[in-house]
Amino acid sequence: MVIHMLAPMGEVVGVKFIEANSFPRLHAWVQNFSEQPVIKHNLPDYDRVVEFLKIRRQSYATLSHRHP
């Protein structure tokens, strides 16, 4: 479910990876796919994913400062 990590990743880093005006067909596909009941009911909680990614990003930033 990598496609569903893009929106939370984008929120964490401040970038929209799949914009409707840049990739209209892919954007429409992602929206449609996300609304399918079997997918929608099995995705992790968006806010929890964002929080996880923020923590992970901070840990990577901390590690990168330790090693020149």
Foldseek 3Di string as FASTA:
>chain_A
DVVVLQVLVCVLVVHRDDDCVVHVVVVVVSVVVCPDVVNVVPDPDSVVSNVVVNVVVVVVVVVVVVPD
